[in-house]
PDB file of N, CA and C in Angstrom:
ATOM      1  N   UNK A   1      -2.845 145.074  45.582  1.00  0.00           N
ATOM      2  CA  UNK A   1      -1.389 145.454  45.262  1.00  0.00           C
ATOM      3  C   UNK A   1      -0.720 145.883  46.565  1.00  0.00           C
ATOM      4  N   UNK A   2       0.260 144.981  46.685  1.00  0.00           N
ATOM      5  CA  UNK A   2       0.900 144.404  48.120  1.00  0.00           C
ATOM      6  C   UNK A   2       1.529 146.476  48.618  1.00  0.00           C
ATOM      7  N   UNK A   3       1.321 146.247  49.453  1.00  0.00           N
ATOM      8  CA  UNK A   3       2.108 147.444  50.732  1.00  0.00           C
ATOM      9  C   UNK A   3       3.040 148.306  49.882  1.00  0.00           C
ATOM     10  N   UNK A   4       4.238 147.512  49.863  1.00  0.00           N
ATOM     11  CA  UNK A   4       5.332 147.414  49.198  1.00  0.00           C
ATOM     12  C   UNK A   4       5.497 148.052  47.556  1.00  0.00           C
ATOM     13  N   UNK A   5       4.528 147.446  46.777  1.00  0.00           N
ATOM     14  CA  UNK A   5       4.360 148.142  45.607  1.00  0.00           C
ATOM     15  C   UNK A   5       3.562 149.619  45.832  1.00  0.00           C
ATOM     16  N   UNK A   6       2.578 149.691  46.646  1.00  0.00           N
ATOM     17  CA  UNK A   6       2.222 151.200  46.537  1.00  0.00           C
ATOM     18  C   UNK A   6       3.195 151.930  46.833  1.00  0.00           C
ATOM     19  N   UNK A   7       3.634 151.238  48.325  1.00  0.00           N
ATOM     20  CA  UNK A   7       5.300 152.517  48.568  1.00  0.00           C
ATOM     21  C   UNK A   7       5.974 152.768  47.258  1.00  0.00           C
ATOM     22  N   UNK A   8       6.134 151.819  46.342  1.00  0.00           N
ATOM     23  CA  UNK A   8       7.350 152.130  45.408  1.00  0.00           C
ATOM     24  C   UNK A   8       6.503 152.947  44.674  1.00  0.00           C
ATOM     25  N   UNK A   9       5.480 152.853  44.391  1.00  0.00           N
ATOM     26  CA  UNK A   9       4.306 153.925  43.447  1.00  0.00           C
ATOM     27  C   UNK A   9       4.948 155.473  43.750  1.00  0.00           C
ATOM     28  N   UNK A  10       4.545 155.377  45.282  1.00  0.00           N
ATOM     29  CA  UNK A  10       4.389 156.538  45.626  1.00  0.00           C
ATOM     30  C   UNK A  10       5.920 157.315  45.911  1.00  0.00           C
ATOM     31  N   UNK A  11       6.579 156.767  45.690  1.00  0.00           N
ATOM     32  CA  UNK A  11       8.525 156.999  45.907  1.00  0.00           C
ATOM     33  C   UNK A  11       8.685 157.582  44.530  1.00  0.00           C
ATOM     34  N   UNK A  12       8.354 156.630  43.681  1.00  0.00           N
ATOM     35  CA  UNK A  12       8.300 157.589  42.074  1.00  0.00           C
ATOM     36  C   UNK A  12       7.438 158.444  41.903  1.00  0.00           C
ATOM     37  N   UNK A  13       6.587 158.191  42.086  1.00  0.00           N
ATOM     38  CA  UNK A  13       5.825 159.880  41.676  1.00  0.00           C
ATOM     39  C   UNK A  13       6.438 161.320  42.770  1.00  0.00           C
ATOM     40  N   UNK A  14       6.608 161.164  43.572  1.00  0.00           N
ATOM     41  CA  UNK A  14       7.681 161.875  44.168  1.00  0.00           C
ATOM     42  C   UNK A  14       8.824 162.144  43.503  1.00  0.00           C
ATOM     43  N   UNK A  15       9.032 161.682  42.942  1.00  0.00           N
ATOM     44  CA  UNK A  15      10.514 161.714  42.294  1.00  0.00           C
ATOM     45  C   UNK A  15       9.907 162.704  41.323  1.00  0.00           C
ATOM     46  N   UNK A  16       9.026 161.945  40.439  1.00  0.00           N
ATOM     47  CA  UNK A  16       8.558 162.783  39.537  1.00  0.00           C
ATOM     48  C   UNK A  16       8.722 164.459  39.408  1.00  0.00           C
ATOM     49  N   UNK A  17       7.222 164.889  40.758  1.00  0.00           N
ATOM     50  CA  UNK A  17       7.034 165.725  40.685  1.00  0.00           C
ATOM     51  C   UNK A  17       8.485 166.608  41.141  1.00  0.00           C
ATOM     52  N   UNK A  18       9.613 165.968  42.109  1.00  0.00           N
ATOM     53  CA  UNK A  18      10.683 167.000  42.318  1.00  0.00           C
ATOM     54  C   UNK A  18      11.056 167.216  41.079  1.00  0.00           C
ATOM     55  N   UNK A  19      11.266 166.615  39.862  1.00  0.00           N
ATOM     56  CA  UNK A  19      11.930 166.463  38.381  1.00  0.00           C
ATOM     57  C   UNK A  19      11.075 167.381  37.975  1.00  0.00           C
ATOM     58  N   UNK A  20       9.384 167.766  38.133  1.00  0.00           N
ATOM     59  CA  UNK A  20       8.657 168.580  37.191  1.00  0.00           C
ATOM     60  C   UNK A  20       9.112 170.257  37.916  1.00  0.00           C
ATOM     61  N   UNK A  21       9.400 170.004  39.143  1.00  0.00           N
ATOM     62  CA  UNK A  21       9.232 171.273  39.816  1.00  0.00           C
ATOM     63  C   UNK A  21      10.919 171.832  39.725  1.00  0.00           C
ATOM     64  N   UNK A  22      11.906 171.072  39.562  1.00  0.00           N
ATOM     65  CA  UNK A  22      13.250 171.588  39.012  1.00  0.00           C
ATOM     66  C   UNK A  22      13.077 172.098  37.436  1.00  0.00           C
ATOM     67  N   UNK A  23      12.285 171.361  36.727  1.00  0.00           N
ATOM     68  CA  UNK A  23      11.961 172.024  35.186  1.00  0.00           C
ATOM     69  C   UNK A  23      11.630 173.295  35.817  1.00  0.00           C
ATOM     70  N   UNK A  24      10.154 173.665  36.199  1.00  0.00           N
ATOM     71  CA  UNK A  24       9.636 174.533  35.965  1.00  0.00           C
ATOM     72  C   UNK A  24      10.754 175.974  36.457  1.00  0.00           C
ATOM     73  N   UNK A  25      10.843 175.722  37.855  1.00  0.00           N
ATOM     74  CA  UNK A  25      11.517 176.618  38.316  1.00  0.00           C
ATOM     75  C   UNK A  25      13.067 177.402  37.203  1.00  0.00           C
ATOM     76  N   UNK A  26      13.544 175.931  36.555  1.00  0.00           N
ATOM     77  CA  UNK A  26      14.954 176.245  35.798  1.00  0.00           C
ATOM     78  C   UNK A  26      14.175 177.315  34.875  1.00  0.00           C
ATOM     79  N   UNK A  27      12.607 176.876  34.177  1.00  0.00           N
ATOM     80  CA  UNK A  27      12.522 177.583  32.948  1.00  0.00           C
ATOM     81  C   UNK A  27      12.226 178.867  33.498  1.00  0.00           C
ATOM     82  N   UNK A  28      11.401 179.304  34.679  1.00  0.00           N
ATOM     83  CA  UNK A  28      11.009 180.534  34.932  1.00  0.00           C
ATOM     84  C   UNK A  28      12.355 181.369  35.377  1.00  0.00           C
ATOM     85  N   UNK A  29      13.280 181.068  35.636  1.00  0.00           N
ATOM     86  CA  UNK A  29      15.158 181.205  36.206  1.00  0.00           C
ATOM     87  C   UNK A  29      15.519 181.896  35.366  1.00  0.00           C
ATOM     88  N   UNK A  30      15.307 181.313  33.879  1.00  0.00           N
ATOM     89  CA  UNK A  30      15.964 181.853  32.667  1.00  0.00           C
ATOM     90  C   UNK A  30      15.645 183.039  32.207  1.00  0.00           C
ATOM     91  N   UNK A  31      17.065 183.476  31.857  1.00  0.00           N
ATOM     92  CA  UNK A  31      17.083 185.314  31.534  1.00  0.00           C
ATOM     93  C   UNK A  31      16.770 185.551  29.681  1.00  0.00           C
ATOM     94  N   UNK A  32      17.027 186.802  29.284  1.00  0.00           N
ATOM     95  CA  UNK A  32      16.784 186.887  27.536  1.00  0.00           C
ATOM     96  C   UNK A  32      17.758 186.046  27.216  1.00  0.00           C
ATOM     97  N   UNK A  33      18.722 185.420  27.418  1.00  0.00           N
ATOM     98  CA  UNK A  33      19.520 184.838  26.604  1.00  0.00           C
ATOM     99  C   UNK A  33      19.382 182.899  26.625  1.00  0.00           C
ATOM    100  N   UNK A  34      18.613 183.140  27.592  1.00  0.00           N
ATOM    101  CA  UNK A  34      18.079 181.369  28.270  1.00  0.00           C
ATOM    102  C   UNK A  34      19.193 180.751  29.088  1.00  0.00           C
ATOM    103  N   UNK A  35      19.887 181.975  29.611  1.00  0.00           N
ATOM    104  CA  UNK A  35      20.829 181.113  30.882  1.00  0.00           C
ATOM    105  C   UNK A  35      19.822 181.101  32.187  1.00  0.00           C
ATOM    106  N   UNK A  36      20.452 180.039  33.219  1.00  0.00           N
ATOM    107  CA  UNK A  36      19.924 180.232  34.648  1.00  0.00           C
ATOM    108  C   UNK A  36      20.073 181.886  35.530  1.00  0.00           C
ATOM    109  N   UNK A  37      19.243 182.049  36.130  1.00  0.00           N
ATOM    110  CA  UNK A  37      19.294 183.389  36.923  1.00  0.00           C
ATOM    111  C   UNK A  37      19.497 182.796  38.207  1.00  0.00           C
ATOM    112  N   UNK A  38      20.051 182.602  38.693  1.00  0.00           N
ATOM    113  CA  UNK A  38      20.346 182.158  40.176  1.00  0.00           C
ATOM    114  C   UNK A  38      19.594 183.634  40.891  1.00  0.00           C
ATOM    115  N   UNK A  39      19.454 184.817  40.867  1.00  0.00           N
ATOM    116  CA  UNK A  39      19.372 185.699  41.433  1.00  0.00           C
ATOM    117  C   UNK A  39      17.572 185.857  41.890  1.00  0.00           C
ATOM    118  N   UNK A  40      17.363 185.390  40.412  1.00  0.00           N
ATOM    119  CA  UNK A  40      15.772 185.528  39.904  1.00  0.00           C
ATOM    120  C   UNK A  40      15.029 183.936  41.105  1.00  0.00           C
ATOM    121  N   UNK A  41      15.733 183.442  41.015  1.00  0.00           N
ATOM    122  CA  UNK A  41      15.122 181.967  41.656  1.00  0.00           C
ATOM    123  C   UNK A  41      15.464 182.573  43.194  1.00  0.00           C
ATOM    124  N   UNK A  42      16.351 182.491  43.803  1.00  0.00           N
ATOM    125  CA  UNK A  42      16.536 182.904  45.407  1.00  0.00           C
ATOM    126  C   UNK A  42      15.440 183.537  45.629  1.00  0.00           C
ATOM    127  N   UNK A  43      15.129 184.944  45.048  1.00  0.00           N
ATOM    128  CA  UNK A  43      14.087 185.981  45.374  1.00  0.00           C
ATOM    129  C   UNK A  43      12.660 185.378  44.384  1.00  0.00           C
ATOM    130  N   UNK A  44      12.504 184.390  44.129  1.00  0.00           N
ATOM    131  CA  UNK A  44      11.532 183.464  44.387  1.00  0.00           C
ATOM    132  C   UNK A  44      11.279 182.729  45.567  1.00  0.00           C
ATOM    133  N   UNK A  45      12.063 182.010  45.936  1.00  0.00           N
ATOM    134  CA  UNK A  45      11.883 180.961  46.409  1.00  0.00           C
ATOM    135  C   UNK A  45      11.799 182.029  47.806  1.00  0.00           C
ATOM    136  N   UNK A  46      12.914 182.647  48.382  1.00  0.00           N
ATOM    137  CA  UNK A  46      12.430 183.795  49.733  1.00  0.00           C
ATOM    138  C   UNK A  46      10.963 184.506  49.727  1.00  0.00           C
ATOM    139  N   UNK A  47      10.580 184.855  48.796  1.00  0.00           N
ATOM    140  CA  UNK A  47       9.269 185.711  48.500  1.00  0.00           C
ATOM    141  C   UNK A  47       8.284 183.931  48.874  1.00  0.00           C
ATOM    142  N   UNK A  48       8.252 183.162  48.003  1.00  0.00           N
ATOM    143  CA  UNK A  48       7.503 181.909  48.571  1.00  0.00           C
ATOM    144  C   UNK A  48       7.181 181.515  50.304  1.00  0.00           C
ATOM    145  N   UNK A  49       8.437 182.047  50.745  1.00  0.00           N
ATOM    146  CA  UNK A  49       7.985 181.863  52.230  1.00  0.00           C
ATOM    147  C   UNK A  49       7.506 182.721  52.912  1.00  0.00           C
ATOM    148  N   UNK A  50       7.511 184.000  52.508  1.00  0.00           N
ATOM    149  CA  UNK A  50       6.758 185.228  53.092  1.00  0.00           C
ATOM    150  C   UNK A  50       5.214 185.052  53.103  1.00  0.00           C
ATOM    151  N   UNK A  51       4.663 185.488  53.965  1.00  0.00           N
ATOM    152  CA  UNK A  51       3.006 185.406  53.957  1.00  0.00           C
ATOM    153  C   UNK A  51       2.855 186.371  52.754  1.00  0.00           C
ATOM    154  N   UNK A  52       1.423 186.340  52.144  1.00  0.00           N
ATOM    155  CA  UNK A  52       1.313 187.196  50.874  1.00  0.00           C
ATOM    156  C   UNK A  52       0.509 188.427  50.963  1.00  0.00           C
ATOM    157  N   UNK A  53       1.525 189.364  50.185  1.00  0.00           N
ATOM    158  CA  UNK A  53       1.348 190.612  51.061  1.00  0.00           C
ATOM    159  C   UNK A  53      -0.276 191.535  50.123  1.00  0.00           C
ATOM    160  N   UNK A  54      -0.527 190.922  48.781  1.00  0.00           N
ATOM    161  CA  UNK A  54      -2.040 191.431  48.667  1.00  0.00           C
ATOM    162  C   UNK A  54      -2.903 190.517  48.204  1.00  0.00           C
ATOM    163  N   UNK A  55      -4.522 190.564  48.174  1.00  0.00           N
ATOM    164  CA  UNK A  55      -5.097 189.322  47.741  1.00  0.00           C
ATOM    165  C   UNK A  55      -5.635 190.034  46.644  1.00  0.00           C
ATOM    166  N   UNK A  56      -5.889 189.367  45.399  1.00  0.00           N
ATOM    167  CA  UNK A  56      -6.540 189.754  43.859  1.00  0.00           C
ATOM    168  C   UNK A  56      -8.259 188.426  44.246  1.00  0.00           C
ATOM    169  N   UNK A  57      -8.892 189.516  44.121  1.00  0.00           N
ATOM    170  CA  UNK A  57     -10.511 188.746  43.989  1.00  0.00           C
ATOM    171  C   UNK A  57     -10.372 188.408  42.334  1.00  0.00           C
ATOM    172  N   UNK A  58      -9.678 188.825  41.115  1.00  0.00           N
ATOM    173  CA  UNK A  58      -9.976 188.254  39.996  1.00  0.00           C
ATOM    174  C   UNK A  58      -8.832 189.095  38.843  1.00  0.00           C
ATOM    175  N   UNK A  59      -8.554 188.970  37.784  1.00  0.00           N
ATOM    176  CA  UNK A  59      -7.720 189.368  37.214  1.00  0.00           C
ATOM    177  C   UNK A  59      -7.601 190.594  36.597  1.00  0.00           C
ATOM    178  N   UNK A  60      -9.016 191.692  36.878  1.00  0.00           N
ATOM    179  CA  UNK A  60      -8.180 193.140  36.774  1.00  0.00           C
ATOM    180  C   UNK A  60      -7.781 193.897  38.045  1.00  0.00           C
ATOM    181  N   UNK A  61      -7.849 192.743  39.222  1.00  0.00           N
ATOM    182  CA  UNK A  61      -7.227 193.458  40.146  1.00  0.00           C
ATOM    183  C   UNK A  61      -5.767 193.187  40.238  1.00  0.00           C
ATOM    184  N   UNK A  62      -5.457 191.727  40.004  1.00  0.00           N
ATOM    185  CA  UNK A  62      -3.837 191.524  39.978  1.00  0.00           C
ATOM    186  C   UNK A  62      -3.305 192.431  38.437  1.00  0.00           C
ATOM    187  N   UNK A  63      -3.788 192.237  37.434  1.00  0.00           N
ATOM    188  CA  UNK A  63      -3.452 193.419  36.437  1.00  0.00           C
ATOM    189  C   UNK A  63      -3.239 194.954  37.115  1.00  0.00           C
ATOM    190  N   UNK A  64      -3.969 195.143  37.643  1.00  0.00           N
ATOM    191  CA  UNK A  64      -4.055 196.616  38.191  1.00  0.00           C
ATOM    192  C   UNK A  64      -2.633 196.394  38.857  1.00  0.00           C
ATOM    193  N   UNK A  65      -2.439 195.405  39.684  1.00  0.00           N
ATOM    194  CA  UNK A  65      -1.330 196.117  40.687  1.00  0.00           C
ATOM    195  C   UNK A  65       0.104 195.525  40.159  1.00  0.00           C
ATOM    196  N   UNK A  66      -0.036 194.669  39.091  1.00  0.00           N
ATOM    197  CA  UNK A  66       1.326 194.279  37.869  1.00  0.00           C
ATOM    198  C   UNK A  66       1.845 195.826  37.169  1.00  0.00           C
ATOM    199  N   UNK A  67       0.419 196.178  36.301  1.00  0.00           N
ATOM    200  CA  UNK A  67       0.870 197.884  35.707  1.00  0.00           C
ATOM    201  C   UNK A  67       1.174 198.544  36.832  1.00  0.00           C
ATOM    202  N   UNK A  68       1.139 199.096  37.485  1.00  0.00           N
ATOM    203  CA  UNK A  68       1.145 199.862  39.075  1.00  0.00           C
ATOM    204  C   UNK A  68       2.441 199.759  39.006  1.00  0.00           C
ATOM    205  N   UNK A  69       2.639 198.646  39.696  1.00  0.00           N
ATOM    206  CA  UNK A  69       4.516 198.398  40.093  1.00  0.00           C
ATOM    207  C   UNK A  69       5.217 198.633  38.656  1.00  0.00           C
ATOM    208  N   UNK A  70       5.081 198.178  37.720  1.00  0.00           N
ATOM    209  CA  UNK A  70       5.618 198.240  36.586  1.00  0.00           C
ATOM    210  C   UNK A  70       6.575 199.639  35.825  1.00  0.00           C
ATOM    211  N   UNK A  71       5.335 201.039  36.691  1.00  0.00           N
ATOM    212  CA  UNK A  71       5.145 202.155  36.411  1.00  0.00           C
ATOM    213  C   UNK A  71       6.681 202.725  37.131  1.00  0.00           C
ATOM    214  N   UNK A  72       6.735 201.577  38.692  1.00  0.00           N
ATOM    215  CA  UNK A  72       7.360 202.611  39.733  1.00  0.00           C
ATOM    216  C   UNK A  72       8.646 201.902  39.274  1.00  0.00           C
ATOM    217  N   UNK A  73       8.554 200.729  39.143  1.00  0.00           N
ATOM    218  CA  UNK A  73      10.037 200.203  38.877  1.00  0.00           C
ATOM    219  C   UNK A  73      10.800 201.105  37.999  1.00  0.00           C
TER     220      UNK A  73
END
């Protein structure tokens, strides 16, 4: 396979990943009415740039943390 063909395939795959990422972010940002929630997306993107604050070793510790958060909000 020629290098230009491989390059074209890589570019096509990059574009597909971008589309999938956009789709997932769009679905995660829907509110209960199914509309785009820009505040949620902004907070997720901001959080993705920060260093992790917690380390979860198993599902139990993750659920314990999440359930604790729900009670305080």
